[in-house]
Structure formats: C-alpha cells, structure tokens
Amino acid sequence: GVPTPVNETLRREANRVARERLAPGSMTPDQVRAL
C-alpha cells in the first residue's frame, strides 16, 4: 500500500523507449519529472 509514482514512471518510460527502439538519452529530465 505504498504509492510509487517515481519508479512506476521510470519503469513505464524505459519499457516504451526500449519497445520503440529509441536511443539512450531520448528524454529530458524535465519531461520525466513532468510525468
């Protein structure tokens, strides 16, 4: 019962970037922080 918005966002975005075969560093810290 502990919310985990930081690690859930990182998990989802890392999977998306891998699935779309994007290069490392495809996002900015501000974009990740906004999510």
PDB file of all heavy atoms in Angstrom:
ATOM      1  N   GLY A   1       0.785  -1.228   0.000  1.00  0.00           N
ATOM      2  CA  GLY A   1       0.000   0.000   0.000  1.00  0.00           C
ATOM      3  C   GLY A   1       0.816   1.277   0.000  1.00  0.00           C
ATOM      4  O   GLY A   1       0.382   2.284   0.564  1.00  0.00           O
ATOM      5  N   VAL A   2       1.993   1.261  -0.644  1.00  0.00           N
ATOM      6  CA  VAL A   2       2.846   2.444  -0.713  1.00  0.00           C
ATOM      7  C   VAL A   2       2.870   2.945  -2.161  1.00  0.00           C
ATOM      8  O   VAL A   2       3.285   2.205  -3.062  1.00  0.00           O
ATOM      9  CB  VAL A   2       4.276   2.140  -0.255  1.00  0.00           C
ATOM     10  CG1 VAL A   2       5.124   3.409  -0.275  1.00  0.00           C
ATOM     11  CG2 VAL A   2       4.276   1.512   1.134  1.00  0.00           C
ATOM     12  N   PRO A   3       2.452   4.159  -2.432  1.00  0.00           N
ATOM     13  CA  PRO A   3       2.498   4.678  -3.802  1.00  0.00           C
ATOM     14  C   PRO A   3       3.936   4.761  -4.310  1.00  0.00           C
ATOM     15  O   PRO A   3       4.860   5.086  -3.554  1.00  0.00           O
ATOM     16  CB  PRO A   3       1.877   6.073  -3.678  1.00  0.00           C
ATOM     17  CG  PRO A   3       1.137   6.066  -2.383  1.00  0.00           C
ATOM     18  CD  PRO A   3       1.869   5.131  -1.481  1.00  0.00           C
ATOM     19  N   THR A   4       4.116   4.497  -5.600  1.00  0.00           N
ATOM     20  CA  THR A   4       5.462   4.521  -6.186  1.00  0.00           C
ATOM     21  C   THR A   4       5.447   5.242  -7.535  1.00  0.00           C
ATOM     22  O   THR A   4       5.817   4.671  -8.565  1.00  0.00           O
ATOM     23  CB  THR A   4       6.003   3.095  -6.370  1.00  0.00           C
ATOM     24  OG1 THR A   4       5.059   2.338  -7.158  1.00  0.00           O
ATOM     25  CG2 THR A   4       6.224   2.407  -5.040  1.00  0.00           C
ATOM     26  N   PRO A   5       5.021   6.518  -7.565  1.00  0.00           N
ATOM     27  CA  PRO A   5       4.918   7.214  -8.859  1.00  0.00           C
ATOM     28  C   PRO A   5       6.266   7.393  -9.565  1.00  0.00           C
ATOM     29  O   PRO A   5       6.310   7.399 -10.800  1.00  0.00           O
ATOM     30  CB  PRO A   5       4.321   8.568  -8.475  1.00  0.00           C
ATOM     31  CG  PRO A   5       4.657   8.746  -7.025  1.00  0.00           C
ATOM     32  CD  PRO A   5       4.611   7.380  -6.442  1.00  0.00           C
ATOM     33  N   VAL A   6       7.343   7.534  -8.825  1.00  0.00           N
ATOM     34  CA  VAL A   6       8.649   7.747  -9.463  1.00  0.00           C
ATOM     35  C   VAL A   6       9.089   6.483 -10.193  1.00  0.00           C
ATOM     36  O   VAL A   6       9.386   6.510 -11.397  1.00  0.00           O
ATOM     37  CB  VAL A   6       9.714   8.155  -8.423  1.00  0.00           C
ATOM     38  CG1 VAL A   6      11.065   8.357  -9.113  1.00  0.00           C
ATOM     39  CG2 VAL A   6       9.292   9.412  -7.684  1.00  0.00           C
ATOM     40  N   ASN A   7       9.124   5.370  -9.483  1.00  0.00           N
ATOM     41  CA  ASN A   7       9.607   4.142 -10.101  1.00  0.00           C
ATOM     42  C   ASN A   7       8.638   3.587 -11.135  1.00  0.00           C
ATOM     43  O   ASN A   7       9.070   2.974 -12.119  1.00  0.00           O
ATOM     44  CB  ASN A   7       9.908   3.103  -9.018  1.00  0.00           C
ATOM     45  CG  ASN A   7      11.220   3.399  -8.322  1.00  0.00           C
ATOM     46  OD1 ASN A   7      12.296   3.162  -8.870  1.00  0.00           O
ATOM     47  ND2 ASN A   7      11.141   3.937  -7.112  1.00  0.00           N
ATOM     48  N   GLU A   8       7.338   3.817 -10.953  1.00  0.00           N
ATOM     49  CA  GLU A   8       6.378   3.391 -11.975  1.00  0.00           C
ATOM     50  C   GLU A   8       6.575   4.184 -13.259  1.00  0.00           C
ATOM     51  O   GLU A   8       6.533   3.625 -14.361  1.00  0.00           O
ATOM     52  CB  GLU A   8       4.954   3.541 -11.458  1.00  0.00           C
ATOM     53  CG  GLU A   8       3.872   3.303 -12.503  1.00  0.00           C
ATOM     54  CD  GLU A   8       3.827   1.875 -13.047  1.00  0.00           C
ATOM     55  OE1 GLU A   8       4.683   1.039 -12.681  1.00  0.00           O
ATOM     56  OE2 GLU A   8       2.943   1.605 -13.869  1.00  0.00           O
ATOM     57  N   THR A   9       6.814   5.479 -13.145  1.00  0.00           N
ATOM     58  CA  THR A   9       7.062   6.292 -14.344  1.00  0.00           C
ATOM     59  C   THR A   9       8.338   5.833 -15.048  1.00  0.00           C
ATOM     60  O   THR A   9       8.363   5.676 -16.278  1.00  0.00           O
ATOM     61  CB  THR A   9       7.185   7.777 -13.970  1.00  0.00           C
ATOM     62  OG1 THR A   9       5.946   8.209 -13.385  1.00  0.00           O
ATOM     63  CG2 THR A   9       7.485   8.626 -15.185  1.00  0.00           C
ATOM     64  N   LEU A  10       9.388   5.615 -14.286  1.00  0.00           N
ATOM     65  CA  LEU A  10      10.648   5.163 -14.884  1.00  0.00           C
ATOM     66  C   LEU A  10      10.474   3.798 -15.538  1.00  0.00           C
ATOM     67  O   LEU A  10      11.001   3.552 -16.637  1.00  0.00           O
ATOM     68  CB  LEU A  10      11.738   5.111 -13.820  1.00  0.00           C
ATOM     69  CG  LEU A  10      12.163   6.457 -13.237  1.00  0.00           C
ATOM     70  CD1 LEU A  10      13.124   6.245 -12.073  1.00  0.00           C
ATOM     71  CD2 LEU A  10      12.800   7.351 -14.296  1.00  0.00           C
ATOM     72  N   ARG A  11       9.749   2.908 -14.890  1.00  0.00           N
ATOM     73  CA  ARG A  11       9.512   1.578 -15.458  1.00  0.00           C
ATOM     74  C   ARG A  11       8.770   1.668 -16.781  1.00  0.00           C
ATOM     75  O   ARG A  11       9.166   1.069 -17.783  1.00  0.00           O
ATOM     76  CB  ARG A  11       8.711   0.726 -14.466  1.00  0.00           C
ATOM     77  CG  ARG A  11       8.484  -0.716 -14.909  1.00  0.00           C
ATOM     78  CD  ARG A  11       7.363  -1.381 -14.111  1.00  0.00           C
ATOM     79  NE  ARG A  11       6.051  -0.827 -14.435  1.00  0.00           N
ATOM     80  CZ  ARG A  11       5.356  -1.154 -15.526  1.00  0.00           C
ATOM     81  NH1 ARG A  11       5.848  -2.017 -16.393  1.00  0.00           N
ATOM     82  NH2 ARG A  11       4.176  -0.616 -15.755  1.00  0.00           N
ATOM     83  N   ARG A  12       7.679   2.452 -16.785  1.00  0.00           N
ATOM     84  CA  ARG A  12       6.863   2.562 -17.999  1.00  0.00           C
ATOM     85  C   ARG A  12       7.633   3.212 -19.145  1.00  0.00           C
ATOM     86  O   ARG A  12       7.588   2.734 -20.284  1.00  0.00           O
ATOM     87  CB  ARG A  12       5.603   3.380 -17.706  1.00  0.00           C
ATOM     88  CG  ARG A  12       4.587   2.669 -16.848  1.00  0.00           C
ATOM     89  CD  ARG A  12       3.258   3.384 -16.907  1.00  0.00           C
ATOM     90  NE  ARG A  12       2.264   2.765 -16.049  1.00  0.00           N
ATOM     91  CZ  ARG A  12       0.959   2.900 -16.222  1.00  0.00           C
ATOM     92  NH1 ARG A  12       0.495   3.644 -17.218  1.00  0.00           N
ATOM     93  NH2 ARG A  12       0.108   2.323 -15.406  1.00  0.00           N
ATOM     94  N   GLU A  13       8.317   4.303 -18.845  1.00  0.00           N
ATOM     95  CA  GLU A  13       9.013   5.019 -19.912  1.00  0.00           C
ATOM     96  C   GLU A  13      10.196   4.222 -20.447  1.00  0.00           C
ATOM     97  O   GLU A  13      10.465   4.237 -21.652  1.00  0.00           O
ATOM     98  CB  GLU A  13       9.464   6.395 -19.411  1.00  0.00           C
ATOM     99  CG  GLU A  13       8.323   7.351 -19.176  1.00  0.00           C
ATOM    100  CD  GLU A  13       7.440   7.512 -20.403  1.00  0.00           C
ATOM    101  OE1 GLU A  13       7.961   7.906 -21.473  1.00  0.00           O
ATOM    102  OE2 GLU A  13       6.228   7.224 -20.309  1.00  0.00           O
ATOM    103  N   ALA A  14      10.912   3.535 -19.583  1.00  0.00           N
ATOM    104  CA  ALA A  14      12.029   2.713 -20.052  1.00  0.00           C
ATOM    105  C   ALA A  14      11.528   1.608 -20.976  1.00  0.00           C
ATOM    106  O   ALA A  14      12.138   1.332 -22.024  1.00  0.00           O
ATOM    107  CB  ALA A  14      12.778   2.118 -18.867  1.00  0.00           C
ATOM    108  N   ASN A  15      10.401   0.990 -20.626  1.00  0.00           N
ATOM    109  CA  ASN A  15       9.838  -0.035 -21.494  1.00  0.00           C
ATOM    110  C   ASN A  15       9.375   0.541 -22.821  1.00  0.00           C
ATOM    111  O   ASN A  15       9.571  -0.064 -23.875  1.00  0.00           O
ATOM    112  CB  ASN A  15       8.671  -0.729 -20.778  1.00  0.00           C
ATOM    113  CG  ASN A  15       9.132  -1.851 -19.866  1.00  0.00           C
ATOM    114  OD1 ASN A  15       9.670  -2.851 -20.319  1.00  0.00           O
ATOM    115  ND2 ASN A  15       8.917  -1.685 -18.580  1.00  0.00           N
ATOM    116  N   ARG A  16       8.771   1.722 -22.771  1.00  0.00           N
ATOM    117  CA  ARG A  16       8.302   2.351 -24.015  1.00  0.00           C
ATOM    118  C   ARG A  16       9.473   2.670 -24.933  1.00  0.00           C
ATOM    119  O   ARG A  16       9.440   2.367 -26.139  1.00  0.00           O
ATOM    120  CB  ARG A  16       7.525   3.633 -23.694  1.00  0.00           C
ATOM    121  CG  ARG A  16       7.033   4.373 -24.946  1.00  0.00           C
ATOM    122  CD  ARG A  16       6.398   5.710 -24.602  1.00  0.00           C
ATOM    123  NE  ARG A  16       7.347   6.638 -24.003  1.00  0.00           N
ATOM    124  CZ  ARG A  16       8.229   7.358 -24.712  1.00  0.00           C
ATOM    125  NH1 ARG A  16       8.295   7.249 -26.045  1.00  0.00           N
ATOM    126  NH2 ARG A  16       9.045   8.200 -24.103  1.00  0.00           N
ATOM    127  N   VAL A  17      10.505   3.263 -24.376  1.00  0.00           N
ATOM    128  CA  VAL A  17      11.666   3.645 -25.185  1.00  0.00           C
ATOM    129  C   VAL A  17      12.339   2.406 -25.773  1.00  0.00           C
ATOM    130  O   VAL A  17      12.768   2.398 -26.931  1.00  0.00           O
ATOM    131  CB  VAL A  17      12.652   4.478 -24.329  1.00  0.00           C
ATOM    132  CG1 VAL A  17      13.981   4.644 -25.041  1.00  0.00           C
ATOM    133  CG2 VAL A  17      12.049   5.843 -24.020  1.00  0.00           C
ATOM    134  N   ALA A  18      12.434   1.340 -24.972  1.00  0.00           N
ATOM    135  CA  ALA A  18      13.020   0.099 -25.486  1.00  0.00           C
ATOM    136  C   ALA A  18      12.158  -0.499 -26.586  1.00  0.00           C
ATOM    137  O   ALA A  18      12.670  -0.934 -27.628  1.00  0.00           O
ATOM    138  CB  ALA A  18      13.190  -0.901 -24.346  1.00  0.00           C
ATOM    139  N   ARG A  19      10.852  -0.515 -26.368  1.00  0.00           N
ATOM    140  CA  ARG A  19       9.926  -1.096 -27.346  1.00  0.00           C
ATOM    141  C   ARG A  19       9.977  -0.335 -28.675  1.00  0.00           C
ATOM    142  O   ARG A  19       9.918  -0.935 -29.757  1.00  0.00           O
ATOM    143  CB  ARG A  19       8.512  -1.075 -26.773  1.00  0.00           C
ATOM    144  CG  ARG A  19       7.466  -1.778 -27.603  1.00  0.00           C
ATOM    145  CD  ARG A  19       6.163  -1.887 -26.841  1.00  0.00           C
ATOM    146  NE  ARG A  19       5.633  -0.584 -26.432  1.00  0.00           N
ATOM    147  CZ  ARG A  19       5.601  -0.145 -25.175  1.00  0.00           C
ATOM    148  NH1 ARG A  19       6.084  -0.890 -24.196  1.00  0.00           N
ATOM    149  NH2 ARG A  19       5.089   1.038 -24.888  1.00  0.00           N
ATOM    150  N   GLU A  20      10.118   0.980 -28.579  1.00  0.00           N
ATOM    151  CA  GLU A  20      10.184   1.813 -29.790  1.00  0.00           C
ATOM    152  C   GLU A  20      11.590   1.906 -30.358  1.00  0.00           C
ATOM    153  O   GLU A  20      11.814   2.581 -31.355  1.00  0.00           O
ATOM    154  CB  GLU A  20       9.642   3.214 -29.471  1.00  0.00           C
ATOM    155  CG  GLU A  20       8.163   3.204 -29.095  1.00  0.00           C
ATOM    156  CD  GLU A  20       7.647   4.568 -28.674  1.00  0.00           C
ATOM    157  OE1 GLU A  20       8.421   5.556 -28.748  1.00  0.00           O
ATOM    158  OE2 GLU A  20       6.472   4.656 -28.265  1.00  0.00           O
ATOM    159  N   ARG A  21      12.537   1.230 -29.688  1.00  0.00           N
ATOM    160  CA  ARG A  21      13.933   1.183 -30.119  1.00  0.00           C
ATOM    161  C   ARG A  21      14.531   2.588 -30.294  1.00  0.00           C
ATOM    162  O   ARG A  21      15.231   2.867 -31.274  1.00  0.00           O
ATOM    163  CB  ARG A  21      14.091   0.345 -31.381  1.00  0.00           C
ATOM    164  CG  ARG A  21      13.905  -1.153 -31.121  1.00  0.00           C
ATOM    165  CD  ARG A  21      14.058  -1.994 -32.373  1.00  0.00           C
ATOM    166  NE  ARG A  21      14.259  -3.394 -32.063  1.00  0.00           N
ATOM    167  CZ  ARG A  21      13.301  -4.243 -31.701  1.00  0.00           C
ATOM    168  NH1 ARG A  21      12.036  -3.819 -31.609  1.00  0.00           N
ATOM    169  NH2 ARG A  21      13.579  -5.506 -31.421  1.00  0.00           N
ATOM    170  N   LEU A  22      14.235   3.437 -29.329  1.00  0.00           N
ATOM    171  CA  LEU A  22      14.817   4.772 -29.310  1.00  0.00           C
ATOM    172  C   LEU A  22      16.201   4.725 -28.683  1.00  0.00           C
ATOM    173  O   LEU A  22      16.535   3.811 -27.928  1.00  0.00           O
ATOM    174  CB  LEU A  22      13.910   5.733 -28.534  1.00  0.00           C
ATOM    175  CG  LEU A  22      12.487   5.888 -29.064  1.00  0.00           C
ATOM    176  CD1 LEU A  22      11.682   6.835 -28.169  1.00  0.00           C
ATOM    177  CD2 LEU A  22      12.500   6.391 -30.506  1.00  0.00           C
ATOM    178  N   ALA A  23      17.000   5.719 -28.986  1.00  0.00           N
ATOM    179  CA  ALA A  23      18.374   5.753 -28.492  1.00  0.00           C
ATOM    180  C   ALA A  23      18.404   6.158 -27.023  1.00  0.00           C
ATOM    181  O   ALA A  23      17.472   6.798 -26.516  1.00  0.00           O
ATOM    182  CB  ALA A  23      19.202   6.746 -29.317  1.00  0.00           C
ATOM    183  N   PRO A  24      19.476   5.806 -26.319  1.00  0.00           N
ATOM    184  CA  PRO A  24      19.621   6.291 -24.937  1.00  0.00           C
ATOM    185  C   PRO A  24      19.618   7.818 -24.910  1.00  0.00           C
ATOM    186  O   PRO A  24      20.085   8.474 -25.846  1.00  0.00           O
ATOM    187  CB  PRO A  24      20.986   5.752 -24.508  1.00  0.00           C
ATOM    188  CG  PRO A  24      21.294   4.644 -25.449  1.00  0.00           C
ATOM    189  CD  PRO A  24      20.616   4.972 -26.732  1.00  0.00           C
ATOM    190  N   GLY A  25      19.077   8.388 -23.837  1.00  0.00           N
ATOM    191  CA  GLY A  25      19.041   9.837 -23.715  1.00  0.00           C
ATOM    192  C   GLY A  25      17.990  10.496 -24.578  1.00  0.00           C
ATOM    193  O   GLY A  25      18.127  11.667 -24.951  1.00  0.00           O
ATOM    194  N   SER A  26      16.912   9.782 -24.881  1.00  0.00           N
ATOM    195  CA  SER A  26      15.861  10.316 -25.764  1.00  0.00           C
ATOM    196  C   SER A  26      14.919  11.285 -25.059  1.00  0.00           C
ATOM    197  O   SER A  26      14.105  11.934 -25.709  1.00  0.00           O
ATOM    198  CB  SER A  26      15.042   9.172 -26.368  1.00  0.00           C
ATOM    199  OG  SER A  26      15.844   8.366 -27.199  1.00  0.00           O
ATOM    200  N   MET A  27      14.995  11.367 -23.738  1.00  0.00           N
ATOM    201  CA  MET A  27      14.130  12.258 -22.980  1.00  0.00           C
ATOM    202  C   MET A  27      14.978  13.256 -22.189  1.00  0.00           C
ATOM    203  O   MET A  27      16.190  13.069 -22.025  1.00  0.00           O
ATOM    204  CB  MET A  27      13.239  11.458 -22.030  1.00  0.00           C
ATOM    205  CG  MET A  27      12.311  10.481 -22.705  1.00  0.00           C
ATOM    206  SD  MET A  27      11.236   9.598 -21.534  1.00  0.00           S
ATOM    207  CE  MET A  27      10.110  10.932 -21.045  1.00  0.00           C
ATOM    208  N   THR A  28      14.326  14.297 -21.700  1.00  0.00           N
ATOM    209  CA  THR A  28      14.989  15.258 -20.821  1.00  0.00           C
ATOM    210  C   THR A  28      14.529  15.014 -19.384  1.00  0.00           C
ATOM    211  O   THR A  28      13.443  14.466 -19.157  1.00  0.00           O
ATOM    212  CB  THR A  28      14.650  16.699 -21.214  1.00  0.00           C
ATOM    213  OG1 THR A  28      13.254  16.944 -20.937  1.00  0.00           O
ATOM    214  CG2 THR A  28      14.939  16.955 -22.690  1.00  0.00           C
ATOM    215  N   PRO A  29      15.332  15.421 -18.398  1.00  0.00           N
ATOM    216  CA  PRO A  29      14.880  15.294 -17.018  1.00  0.00           C
ATOM    217  C   PRO A  29      13.561  16.003 -16.753  1.00  0.00           C
ATOM    218  O   PRO A  29      12.726  15.490 -15.981  1.00  0.00           O
ATOM    219  CB  PRO A  29      16.024  15.924 -16.221  1.00  0.00           C
ATOM    220  CG  PRO A  29      17.226  15.715 -17.076  1.00  0.00           C
ATOM    221  CD  PRO A  29      16.727  15.878 -18.485  1.00  0.00           C
ATOM    222  N   ASP A  30      13.337  17.143 -17.393  1.00  0.00           N
ATOM    223  CA  ASP A  30      12.080  17.864 -17.199  1.00  0.00           C
ATOM    224  C   ASP A  30      10.888  17.064 -17.709  1.00  0.00           C
ATOM    225  O   ASP A  30       9.811  17.070 -17.088  1.00  0.00           O
ATOM    226  CB  ASP A  30      12.130  19.225 -17.906  1.00  0.00           C
ATOM    227  CG  ASP A  30      13.010  20.228 -17.174  1.00  0.00           C
ATOM    228  OD1 ASP A  30      13.342  19.984 -15.995  1.00  0.00           O
ATOM    229  OD2 ASP A  30      13.381  21.253 -17.792  1.00  0.00           O
ATOM    230  N   GLN A  31      11.060  16.373 -18.821  1.00  0.00           N
ATOM    231  CA  GLN A  31       9.968  15.552 -19.343  1.00  0.00           C
ATOM    232  C   GLN A  31       9.637  14.416 -18.385  1.00  0.00           C
ATOM    233  O   GLN A  31       8.458  14.135 -18.117  1.00  0.00           O
ATOM    234  CB  GLN A  31      10.353  14.978 -20.715  1.00  0.00           C
ATOM    235  CG  GLN A  31      10.369  16.001 -21.837  1.00  0.00           C
ATOM    236  CD  GLN A  31      10.898  15.412 -23.139  1.00  0.00           C
ATOM    237  OE1 GLN A  31      11.846  14.629 -23.141  1.00  0.00           O
ATOM    238  NE2 GLN A  31      10.280  15.797 -24.254  1.00  0.00           N
ATOM    239  N   VAL A  32      10.661  13.766 -17.868  1.00  0.00           N
ATOM    240  CA  VAL A  32      10.438  12.669 -16.926  1.00  0.00           C
ATOM    241  C   VAL A  32       9.794  13.196 -15.651  1.00  0.00           C
ATOM    242  O   VAL A  32       8.843  12.614 -15.117  1.00  0.00           O
ATOM    243  CB  VAL A  32      11.764  11.947 -16.609  1.00  0.00           C
ATOM    244  CG1 VAL A  32      11.533  10.867 -15.557  1.00  0.00           C
ATOM    245  CG2 VAL A  32      12.358  11.339 -17.874  1.00  0.00           C
ATOM    246  N   ARG A  33      10.296  14.331 -15.163  1.00  0.00           N
ATOM    247  CA  ARG A  33       9.758  14.906 -13.929  1.00  0.00           C
ATOM    248  C   ARG A  33       8.286  15.280 -14.113  1.00  0.00           C
ATOM    249  O   ARG A  33       7.475  15.064 -13.198  1.00  0.00           O
ATOM    250  CB  ARG A  33      10.565  16.151 -13.556  1.00  0.00           C
ATOM    251  CG  ARG A  33      10.126  16.849 -12.303  1.00  0.00           C
ATOM    252  CD  ARG A  33      10.713  16.205 -11.083  1.00  0.00           C
ATOM    253  NE  ARG A  33      12.126  16.454 -10.948  1.00  0.00           N
ATOM    254  CZ  ARG A  33      12.743  16.594  -9.785  1.00  0.00           C
ATOM    255  NH1 ARG A  33      12.055  16.540  -8.658  1.00  0.00           N
ATOM    256  NH2 ARG A  33      14.038  16.754  -9.726  1.00  0.00           N
ATOM    257  N   ALA A  34       7.914  15.792 -15.272  1.00  0.00           N
ATOM    258  CA  ALA A  34       6.523  16.156 -15.516  1.00  0.00           C
ATOM    259  C   ALA A  34       5.616  14.928 -15.479  1.00  0.00           C
ATOM    260  O   ALA A  34       4.499  14.981 -14.947  1.00  0.00           O
ATOM    261  CB  ALA A  34       6.398  16.868 -16.866  1.00  0.00           C
ATOM    262  N   LEU A  35       6.092  13.805 -16.021  1.00  0.00           N
ATOM    263  CA  LEU A  35       5.298  12.580 -15.985  1.00  0.00           C
ATOM    264  C   LEU A  35       5.154  12.052 -14.560  1.00  0.00           C
ATOM    265  O   LEU A  35       4.102  11.549 -14.172  1.00  0.00           O
ATOM    266  CB  LEU A  35       5.962  11.528 -16.868  1.00  0.00           C
ATOM    267  CG  LEU A  35       5.919  11.797 -18.383  1.00  0.00           C
ATOM    268  CD1 LEU A  35       6.789  10.776 -19.134  1.00  0.00           C
ATOM    269  CD2 LEU A  35       4.480  11.745 -18.906  1.00  0.00           C
TER     270      LEU A  35
END
